[in-house]
């Protein structure tokens, strides 16, 4: 059985250039980069694309009450903080500063942002400090 249940996730955005600037910056501190760029789509990951971002006419409208968000694995706590800083500098909005979320677990260190299209994203590291 594979280590991860999902092979990849795809999201639709209105402005692919803005999304590329955002995800290039936000995912770099986590060790992820744009591995594929073709036909209006971008594929992000480390060895294989796990996040696909595509230009679409009608992206999913932002809904903070939907529960939908995407969590990216981070190698360490410093990269979580760097993700958050990079996301905000690249046009994202703050949705939770870096820190321990004790109600999720004793070592649940995460930060949250909202991308330019309204998708909620998170970086998470579960290693002890």
Protein backbone atom coordinates (compact mmCIF):
# COMPACT_ATOMS: atom_id res chain seq x y z
CA UNK A 1 0.00 0.00 0.00
CA UNK A 2 1.34 3.51 -0.83
CA UNK A 3 2.48 5.90 1.95
CA UNK A 4 -0.04 8.55 0.87
CA UNK A 5 -3.69 8.02 -0.01
CA UNK A 6 -3.87 10.77 -2.64
CA UNK A 7 -1.68 10.83 -5.73
CA UNK A 8 -2.39 14.48 -6.54
CA UNK A 9 -4.84 17.35 -6.18
CA UNK A 10 -5.87 19.78 -8.92
CA UNK A 11 -7.15 23.31 -8.43
CA UNK A 12 -8.40 25.88 -10.90
CA UNK A 13 -7.31 29.52 -10.90
CA UNK A 14 -8.24 32.60 -12.91
CA UNK A 15 -4.71 34.03 -13.32
CA UNK A 16 -2.07 31.37 -13.88
CA UNK A 17 0.82 33.87 -13.84
CA UNK A 18 -0.25 35.20 -10.42
CA UNK A 19 -0.73 31.65 -9.15
CA UNK A 20 2.75 30.68 -10.39
CA UNK A 21 4.35 33.64 -8.62
CA UNK A 22 2.50 32.73 -5.44
CA UNK A 23 3.10 28.96 -5.43
CA UNK A 24 6.72 29.26 -6.60
CA UNK A 25 7.41 31.50 -3.59
CA UNK A 26 5.23 29.79 -0.97
CA UNK A 27 6.28 26.22 -1.74
CA UNK A 28 10.02 26.84 -2.20
CA UNK A 29 10.80 26.88 1.57
CA UNK A 30 9.10 23.47 1.84
CA UNK A 31 11.33 21.95 -0.86
CA UNK A 32 8.69 21.94 -3.62
CA UNK A 33 8.97 23.54 -7.04
CA UNK A 34 7.18 23.73 -10.36
CA UNK A 35 8.14 20.48 -12.09
CA UNK A 36 5.79 20.82 -15.07
CA UNK A 37 4.48 23.82 -16.97
CA UNK A 38 2.38 23.22 -20.07
CA UNK A 39 -1.05 23.76 -21.64
CA UNK A 40 -2.24 26.18 -18.98
CA UNK A 41 -1.21 23.92 -16.08
CA UNK A 42 1.51 23.88 -13.46
CA UNK A 43 2.60 20.76 -11.56
CA UNK A 44 4.27 21.21 -8.15
CA UNK A 45 6.15 18.70 -6.02
CA UNK A 46 9.59 17.45 -5.08
CA UNK A 47 10.04 14.28 -7.16
CA UNK A 48 6.56 14.12 -8.74
CA UNK A 49 3.76 16.64 -9.07
CA UNK A 50 1.26 16.36 -6.21
CA UNK A 51 -0.42 19.73 -6.78
CA UNK A 52 -1.70 20.74 -10.20
CA UNK A 53 -2.76 24.34 -10.77
CA UNK A 54 -4.67 25.05 -13.97
CA UNK A 55 -6.14 28.13 -15.60
CA UNK A 56 -9.91 27.70 -15.69
CA UNK A 57 -12.87 29.87 -16.54
CA UNK A 58 -14.78 29.20 -13.33
CA UNK A 59 -12.64 28.31 -10.26
CA UNK A 60 -14.29 27.07 -7.08
CA UNK A 61 -15.50 30.17 -5.22
CA UNK A 62 -13.77 30.84 -1.89
CA UNK A 63 -15.82 29.64 1.08
CA UNK A 64 -14.18 29.86 4.50
CA UNK A 65 -16.95 27.71 5.99
CA UNK A 66 -16.46 24.81 3.55
CA UNK A 67 -13.62 23.16 5.46
CA UNK A 68 -11.63 22.82 2.23
CA UNK A 69 -7.90 23.40 2.59
CA UNK A 70 -4.65 21.88 1.42
CA UNK A 71 -1.87 20.96 3.83
CA UNK A 72 1.74 20.67 2.65
CA UNK A 73 4.30 18.62 4.55
CA UNK A 74 7.22 20.71 5.81
CA UNK A 75 10.68 19.33 6.63
CA UNK A 76 11.08 21.46 9.79
CA UNK A 77 9.55 24.29 11.77
CA UNK A 78 11.78 26.91 10.17
CA UNK A 79 10.41 26.01 6.75
CA UNK A 80 6.84 26.43 8.06
CA UNK A 81 7.67 29.98 9.12
CA UNK A 82 9.44 30.66 5.80
CA UNK A 83 6.40 29.32 3.91
CA UNK A 84 4.10 31.72 5.76
CA UNK A 85 6.37 34.72 5.18
CA UNK A 86 6.84 33.89 1.48
CA UNK A 87 3.10 33.32 0.97
CA UNK A 88 2.25 36.75 2.39
CA UNK A 89 4.98 38.50 0.38
CA UNK A 90 3.74 36.80 -2.81
CA UNK A 91 0.18 38.10 -2.53
CA UNK A 92 -1.38 35.67 -0.07
CA UNK A 93 -3.32 36.60 3.04
CA UNK A 94 -2.64 35.49 6.59
CA UNK A 95 -4.90 32.75 7.91
CA UNK A 96 -2.86 31.75 10.97
CA UNK A 97 0.69 32.65 11.97
CA UNK A 98 3.34 29.92 12.49
CA UNK A 99 3.08 28.17 15.82
CA UNK A 100 2.20 25.05 17.77
CA UNK A 101 -1.46 24.08 17.58
CA UNK A 102 -1.65 22.16 20.86
CA UNK A 103 -5.32 21.32 20.32
CA UNK A 104 -4.23 19.34 17.19
CA UNK A 105 -1.32 17.61 18.97
CA UNK A 106 1.71 18.43 21.12
CA UNK A 107 4.07 18.82 18.11
CA UNK A 108 1.61 20.12 15.52
CA UNK A 109 3.51 23.13 14.18
CA UNK A 110 1.73 24.87 11.33
CA UNK A 111 1.03 28.11 9.50
CA UNK A 112 -1.93 29.02 7.34
CA UNK A 113 -2.41 31.32 4.33
CA UNK A 114 -4.98 32.08 1.66
CA UNK A 115 -3.78 32.12 -1.94
CA UNK A 116 -4.78 34.82 -4.47
CA UNK A 117 -7.81 32.76 -5.59
CA UNK A 118 -9.07 32.19 -2.05
CA UNK A 119 -7.79 28.63 -1.52
CA UNK A 120 -6.75 27.98 2.07
CA UNK A 121 -3.34 26.36 2.40
CA UNK A 122 -1.27 25.14 5.32
CA UNK A 123 2.30 24.05 5.97
CA UNK A 124 2.76 21.48 8.74
CA UNK A 125 5.66 19.87 10.59
CA UNK A 126 5.06 17.25 13.27
CA UNK A 127 8.65 16.94 14.51
CA UNK A 128 9.42 17.88 18.10
CA UNK A 129 11.17 21.21 18.63
